[in-house]
């Protein structure tokens, strides 16, 4: 670039970099930020996490391997966090904190000949025993996967809608 070439300066209302808290302590799974090649990995679910992002709409999470959460949040130019109205049942934004409550989903496998392994939630740990109704607190997402704990390794995929409704995936 020479001194005589004009310089193009791009400006936007989405130009600040902001730190805020993500609280997923009520969830049965961790969260990883979407679209971050060098991101922090899964956010711990036992504490409030500090996250730094460019202020912009459209940020999101992966609750597990191959699972994309069905909601996005905005980091505002003044450093706040905002969620869409359709997220009111499972998420709230207040000041500089995004709190994800998720939905409590019950899994009744008492009629099955095997236990279930939540494949898309590796940090959940363990199996869901077939001798009781098991509960997981999940954020809305498509394609959660439960697999039989022994051969034949059949899988059941399901989605959780932003309303909390569960449907086959």
C-alpha atoms as a PDB file:
ATOM      1  CA  UNK A   1       0.000   0.000   0.000  1.00  0.00           C
ATOM      2  CA  UNK A   2       1.386   3.391  -0.938  1.00  0.00           C
ATOM      3  CA  UNK A   3       0.742   6.689   0.771  1.00  0.00           C
ATOM      4  CA  UNK A   4      -1.360   7.830  -2.172  1.00  0.00           C
ATOM      5  CA  UNK A   5      -3.802   4.914  -1.979  1.00  0.00           C
ATOM      6  CA  UNK A   6      -7.017   5.633  -0.158  1.00  0.00           C
ATOM      7  CA  UNK A   7      -7.575   3.740   3.059  1.00  0.00           C
ATOM      8  CA  UNK A   8     -10.930   2.095   3.540  1.00  0.00           C
ATOM      9  CA  UNK A   9     -12.031   2.210   7.176  1.00  0.00           C
ATOM     10  CA  UNK A  10     -14.855  -0.123   8.126  1.00  0.00           C
ATOM     11  CA  UNK A  11     -16.934   0.793  11.125  1.00  0.00           C
ATOM     12  CA  UNK A  12     -19.908  -0.859  12.675  1.00  0.00           C
ATOM     13  CA  UNK A  13     -21.934  -0.745  15.828  1.00  0.00           C
ATOM     14  CA  UNK A  14     -20.598  -4.305  16.435  1.00  0.00           C
ATOM     15  CA  UNK A  15     -16.946  -3.507  17.089  1.00  0.00           C
ATOM     16  CA  UNK A  16     -16.237  -3.954  20.787  1.00  0.00           C
ATOM     17  CA  UNK A  17     -14.781  -7.024  22.473  1.00  0.00           C
ATOM     18  CA  UNK A  18     -16.624  -7.944  25.636  1.00  0.00           C
ATOM     19  CA  UNK A  19     -16.162 -10.318  28.549  1.00  0.00           C
ATOM     20  CA  UNK A  20     -19.282 -11.757  30.146  1.00  0.00           C
ATOM     21  CA  UNK A  21     -20.333 -14.736  32.231  1.00  0.00           C
ATOM     22  CA  UNK A  22     -21.955 -17.960  31.031  1.00  0.00           C
ATOM     23  CA  UNK A  23     -23.702 -19.941  33.752  1.00  0.00           C
ATOM     24  CA  UNK A  24     -24.655 -23.491  32.791  1.00  0.00           C
ATOM     25  CA  UNK A  25     -24.447 -25.026  36.268  1.00  0.00           C
ATOM     26  CA  UNK A  26     -27.999 -26.357  36.031  1.00  0.00           C
ATOM     27  CA  UNK A  27     -27.309 -28.350  32.856  1.00  0.00           C
ATOM     28  CA  UNK A  28     -26.420 -32.030  32.502  1.00  0.00           C
ATOM     29  CA  UNK A  29     -23.845 -31.198  29.836  1.00  0.00           C
ATOM     30  CA  UNK A  30     -21.078 -28.758  29.095  1.00  0.00           C
ATOM     31  CA  UNK A  31     -21.135 -26.142  26.379  1.00  0.00           C
ATOM     32  CA  UNK A  32     -18.639 -25.230  23.664  1.00  0.00           C
ATOM     33  CA  UNK A  33     -18.878 -21.930  21.811  1.00  0.00           C
ATOM     34  CA  UNK A  34     -19.661 -22.266  18.106  1.00  0.00           C
ATOM     35  CA  UNK A  35     -17.438 -20.837  15.393  1.00  0.00           C
ATOM     36  CA  UNK A  36     -14.330 -20.456  17.538  1.00  0.00           C
ATOM     37  CA  UNK A  37     -11.358 -22.233  16.000  1.00  0.00           C
ATOM     38  CA  UNK A  38      -9.173 -21.356  18.968  1.00  0.00           C
ATOM     39  CA  UNK A  39     -11.860 -21.280  21.615  1.00  0.00           C
ATOM     40  CA  UNK A  40     -11.790 -22.404  25.230  1.00  0.00           C
ATOM     41  CA  UNK A  41     -13.210 -25.867  24.494  1.00  0.00           C
ATOM     42  CA  UNK A  42     -16.073 -27.005  26.678  1.00  0.00           C
ATOM     43  CA  UNK A  43     -17.080 -24.533  29.344  1.00  0.00           C
ATOM     44  CA  UNK A  44     -17.104 -26.058  32.808  1.00  0.00           C
ATOM     45  CA  UNK A  45     -20.563 -26.797  34.141  1.00  0.00           C
ATOM     46  CA  UNK A  46     -19.589 -26.489  37.797  1.00  0.00           C
ATOM     47  CA  UNK A  47     -18.946 -22.733  37.788  1.00  0.00           C
ATOM     48  CA  UNK A  48     -19.663 -19.399  36.147  1.00  0.00           C
ATOM     49  CA  UNK A  49     -17.429 -19.160  33.061  1.00  0.00           C
ATOM     50  CA  UNK A  50     -15.876 -15.956  31.794  1.00  0.00           C
ATOM     51  CA  UNK A  51     -16.041 -15.662  28.009  1.00  0.00           C
ATOM     52  CA  UNK A  52     -14.662 -12.922  25.752  1.00  0.00           C
ATOM     53  CA  UNK A  53     -16.311 -12.367  22.367  1.00  0.00           C
ATOM     54  CA  UNK A  54     -16.709  -9.667  19.756  1.00  0.00           C
ATOM     55  CA  UNK A  55     -20.010  -7.888  20.227  1.00  0.00           C
ATOM     56  CA  UNK A  56     -22.335  -9.257  17.556  1.00  0.00           C
ATOM     57  CA  UNK A  57     -25.551 -11.191  17.099  1.00  0.00           C
ATOM     58  CA  UNK A  58     -25.583 -14.897  16.259  1.00  0.00           C
ATOM     59  CA  UNK A  59     -23.280 -16.466  18.845  1.00  0.00           C
ATOM     60  CA  UNK A  60     -24.224 -20.013  19.817  1.00  0.00           C
ATOM     61  CA  UNK A  61     -23.184 -23.233  21.543  1.00  0.00           C
ATOM     62  CA  UNK A  62     -22.519 -26.912  20.930  1.00  0.00           C
ATOM     63  CA  UNK A  63     -23.864 -28.861  23.925  1.00  0.00           C
ATOM     64  CA  UNK A  64     -22.100 -32.013  22.716  1.00  0.00           C
ATOM     65  CA  UNK A  65     -20.350 -33.702  19.845  1.00  0.00           C
ATOM     66  CA  UNK A  66     -22.357 -33.268  16.656  1.00  0.00           C
ATOM     67  CA  UNK A  67     -25.106 -31.351  18.473  1.00  0.00           C
ATOM     68  CA  UNK A  68     -25.860 -27.707  17.695  1.00  0.00           C
ATOM     69  CA  UNK A  69     -27.962 -25.784  20.168  1.00  0.00           C
ATOM     70  CA  UNK A  70     -31.142 -24.347  18.683  1.00  0.00           C
ATOM     71  CA  UNK A  71     -30.682 -20.788  19.860  1.00  0.00           C
ATOM     72  CA  UNK A  72     -28.376 -17.845  19.417  1.00  0.00           C
ATOM     73  CA  UNK A  73     -27.477 -14.963  21.663  1.00  0.00           C
ATOM     74  CA  UNK A  74     -26.230 -11.439  21.120  1.00  0.00           C
ATOM     75  CA  UNK A  75     -23.333  -9.679  22.766  1.00  0.00           C
ATOM     76  CA  UNK A  76     -24.326  -6.021  22.579  1.00  0.00           C
ATOM     77  CA  UNK A  77     -21.981  -3.145  21.808  1.00  0.00           C
ATOM     78  CA  UNK A  78     -22.312  -1.895  25.392  1.00  0.00           C
ATOM     79  CA  UNK A  79     -21.153  -5.268  26.753  1.00  0.00           C
ATOM     80  CA  UNK A  80     -24.501  -6.782  27.650  1.00  0.00           C
ATOM     81  CA  UNK A  81     -25.915 -10.135  26.646  1.00  0.00           C
ATOM     82  CA  UNK A  82     -29.353 -10.620  25.070  1.00  0.00           C
ATOM     83  CA  UNK A  83     -31.424 -13.639  24.054  1.00  0.00           C
ATOM     84  CA  UNK A  84     -34.384 -13.892  21.725  1.00  0.00           C
ATOM     85  CA  UNK A  85     -37.907 -14.041  23.207  1.00  0.00           C
ATOM     86  CA  UNK A  86     -38.275 -17.668  22.084  1.00  0.00           C
ATOM     87  CA  UNK A  87     -35.536 -18.597  24.603  1.00  0.00           C
ATOM     88  CA  UNK A  88     -37.422 -17.412  27.701  1.00  0.00           C
ATOM     89  CA  UNK A  89     -38.216 -20.953  28.887  1.00  0.00           C
ATOM     90  CA  UNK A  90     -34.599 -22.097  29.161  1.00  0.00           C
ATOM     91  CA  UNK A  91     -32.273 -19.062  29.101  1.00  0.00           C
ATOM     92  CA  UNK A  92     -32.049 -15.616  30.591  1.00  0.00           C
ATOM     93  CA  UNK A  93     -29.730 -12.706  30.037  1.00  0.00           C
ATOM     94  CA  UNK A  94     -29.125 -10.153  32.719  1.00  0.00           C
ATOM     95  CA  UNK A  95     -26.430  -7.523  32.450  1.00  0.00           C
ATOM     96  CA  UNK A  96     -23.202  -9.350  31.621  1.00  0.00           C
ATOM     97  CA  UNK A  97     -24.413 -12.870  32.434  1.00  0.00           C
ATOM     98  CA  UNK A  98     -26.082 -15.481  30.237  1.00  0.00           C
ATOM     99  CA  UNK A  99     -27.753 -18.165  32.362  1.00  0.00           C
ATOM    100  CA  UNK A 100     -28.878 -21.392  30.705  1.00  0.00           C
ATOM    101  CA  UNK A 101     -31.417 -23.398  32.706  1.00  0.00           C
ATOM    102  CA  UNK A 102     -32.286 -25.894  29.965  1.00  0.00           C
ATOM    103  CA  UNK A 103     -35.271 -28.227  30.146  1.00  0.00           C
ATOM    104  CA  UNK A 104     -35.570 -31.240  32.431  1.00  0.00           C
ATOM    105  CA  UNK A 105     -36.160 -34.275  30.189  1.00  0.00           C
ATOM    106  CA  UNK A 106     -37.164 -37.649  31.656  1.00  0.00           C
ATOM    107  CA  UNK A 107     -36.016 -40.898  30.008  1.00  0.00           C
ATOM    108  CA  UNK A 108     -38.011 -44.001  30.898  1.00  0.00           C
ATOM    109  CA  UNK A 109     -36.077 -47.024  29.684  1.00  0.00           C
ATOM    110  CA  UNK A 110     -37.658 -49.526  32.074  1.00  0.00           C
ATOM    111  CA  UNK A 111     -39.094 -51.514  29.162  1.00  0.00           C
ATOM    112  CA  UNK A 112     -35.709 -51.892  27.455  1.00  0.00           C
ATOM    113  CA  UNK A 113     -33.403 -54.918  27.664  1.00  0.00           C
ATOM    114  CA  UNK A 114     -30.347 -52.623  28.006  1.00  0.00           C
ATOM    115  CA  UNK A 115     -29.132 -49.393  29.595  1.00  0.00           C
ATOM    116  CA  UNK A 116     -28.665 -46.208  27.548  1.00  0.00           C
ATOM    117  CA  UNK A 117     -25.455 -44.257  26.961  1.00  0.00           C
ATOM    118  CA  UNK A 118     -25.817 -40.532  26.129  1.00  0.00           C
ATOM    119  CA  UNK A 119     -23.346 -40.558  23.199  1.00  0.00           C
ATOM    120  CA  UNK A 120     -23.596 -36.873  22.338  1.00  0.00           C
ATOM    121  CA  UNK A 121     -22.893 -35.847  25.958  1.00  0.00           C
ATOM    122  CA  UNK A 122     -19.568 -37.468  26.837  1.00  0.00           C
ATOM    123  CA  UNK A 123     -18.932 -35.298  29.900  1.00  0.00           C
ATOM    124  CA  UNK A 124     -22.275 -36.403  31.371  1.00  0.00           C
ATOM    125  CA  UNK A 125     -20.496 -39.630  32.287  1.00  0.00           C
ATOM    126  CA  UNK A 126     -21.887 -43.090  32.607  1.00  0.00           C
ATOM    127  CA  UNK A 127     -25.071 -44.744  31.542  1.00  0.00           C
ATOM    128  CA  UNK A 128     -28.762 -44.172  32.128  1.00  0.00           C
ATOM    129  CA  UNK A 129     -29.829 -47.364  33.955  1.00  0.00           C
ATOM    130  CA  UNK A 130     -32.935 -49.116  32.649  1.00  0.00           C
ATOM    131  CA  UNK A 131     -34.288 -49.856  36.142  1.00  0.00           C
ATOM    132  CA  UNK A 132     -35.494 -46.270  36.731  1.00  0.00           C
ATOM    133  CA  UNK A 133     -36.619 -43.063  35.069  1.00  0.00           C
ATOM    134  CA  UNK A 134     -33.519 -40.924  34.411  1.00  0.00           C
ATOM    135  CA  UNK A 135     -33.471 -37.146  34.037  1.00  0.00           C
ATOM    136  CA  UNK A 136     -31.154 -34.874  32.067  1.00  0.00           C
ATOM    137  CA  UNK A 137     -31.343 -31.091  31.846  1.00  0.00           C
ATOM    138  CA  UNK A 138     -30.666 -30.137  28.227  1.00  0.00           C
ATOM    139  CA  UNK A 139     -30.642 -26.999  26.096  1.00  0.00           C
ATOM    140  CA  UNK A 140     -32.744 -27.064  22.928  1.00  0.00           C
ATOM    141  CA  UNK A 141     -30.812 -28.775  20.151  1.00  0.00           C
ATOM    142  CA  UNK A 142     -31.146 -31.199  17.294  1.00  0.00           C
ATOM    143  CA  UNK A 143     -29.782 -34.708  17.255  1.00  0.00           C
ATOM    144  CA  UNK A 144     -29.006 -35.747  20.783  1.00  0.00           C
ATOM    145  CA  UNK A 145     -28.122 -39.464  20.688  1.00  0.00           C
ATOM    146  CA  UNK A 146     -28.706 -42.293  23.159  1.00  0.00           C
ATOM    147  CA  UNK A 147     -27.152 -45.672  22.364  1.00  0.00           C
ATOM    148  CA  UNK A 148     -27.629 -49.144  23.795  1.00  0.00           C
ATOM    149  CA  UNK A 149     -24.811 -50.023  26.194  1.00  0.00           C
ATOM    150  CA  UNK A 150     -24.179 -53.379  24.485  1.00  0.00           C
ATOM    151  CA  UNK A 151     -24.526 -55.092  21.140  1.00  0.00           C
ATOM    152  CA  UNK A 152     -26.431 -54.571  19.042  1.00  0.00           C
ATOM    153  CA  UNK A 153     -25.536 -50.886  19.536  1.00  0.00           C
ATOM    154  CA  UNK A 154     -28.852 -49.422  18.452  1.00  0.00           C
ATOM    155  CA  UNK A 155     -29.242 -45.652  18.640  1.00  0.00           C
ATOM    156  CA  UNK A 156     -32.120 -43.354  19.403  1.00  0.00           C
ATOM    157  CA  UNK A 157     -31.828 -39.760  18.222  1.00  0.00           C
ATOM    158  CA  UNK A 158     -34.033 -36.994  19.500  1.00  0.00           C
ATOM    159  CA  UNK A 159     -34.440 -33.244  19.334  1.00  0.00           C
ATOM    160  CA  UNK A 160     -35.370 -30.779  22.070  1.00  0.00           C
ATOM    161  CA  UNK A 161     -37.312 -27.759  20.763  1.00  0.00           C
ATOM    162  CA  UNK A 162     -37.079 -24.238  22.198  1.00  0.00           C
ATOM    163  CA  UNK A 163     -40.465 -24.951  23.816  1.00  0.00           C
ATOM    164  CA  UNK A 164     -39.041 -27.985  25.631  1.00  0.00           C
ATOM    165  CA  UNK A 165     -40.916 -30.480  23.448  1.00  0.00           C
ATOM    166  CA  UNK A 166     -39.020 -33.678  22.609  1.00  0.00           C
ATOM    167  CA  UNK A 167     -39.345 -35.373  19.215  1.00  0.00           C
ATOM    168  CA  UNK A 168     -37.511 -38.141  17.347  1.00  0.00           C
ATOM    169  CA  UNK A 169     -34.424 -36.792  15.578  1.00  0.00           C
END
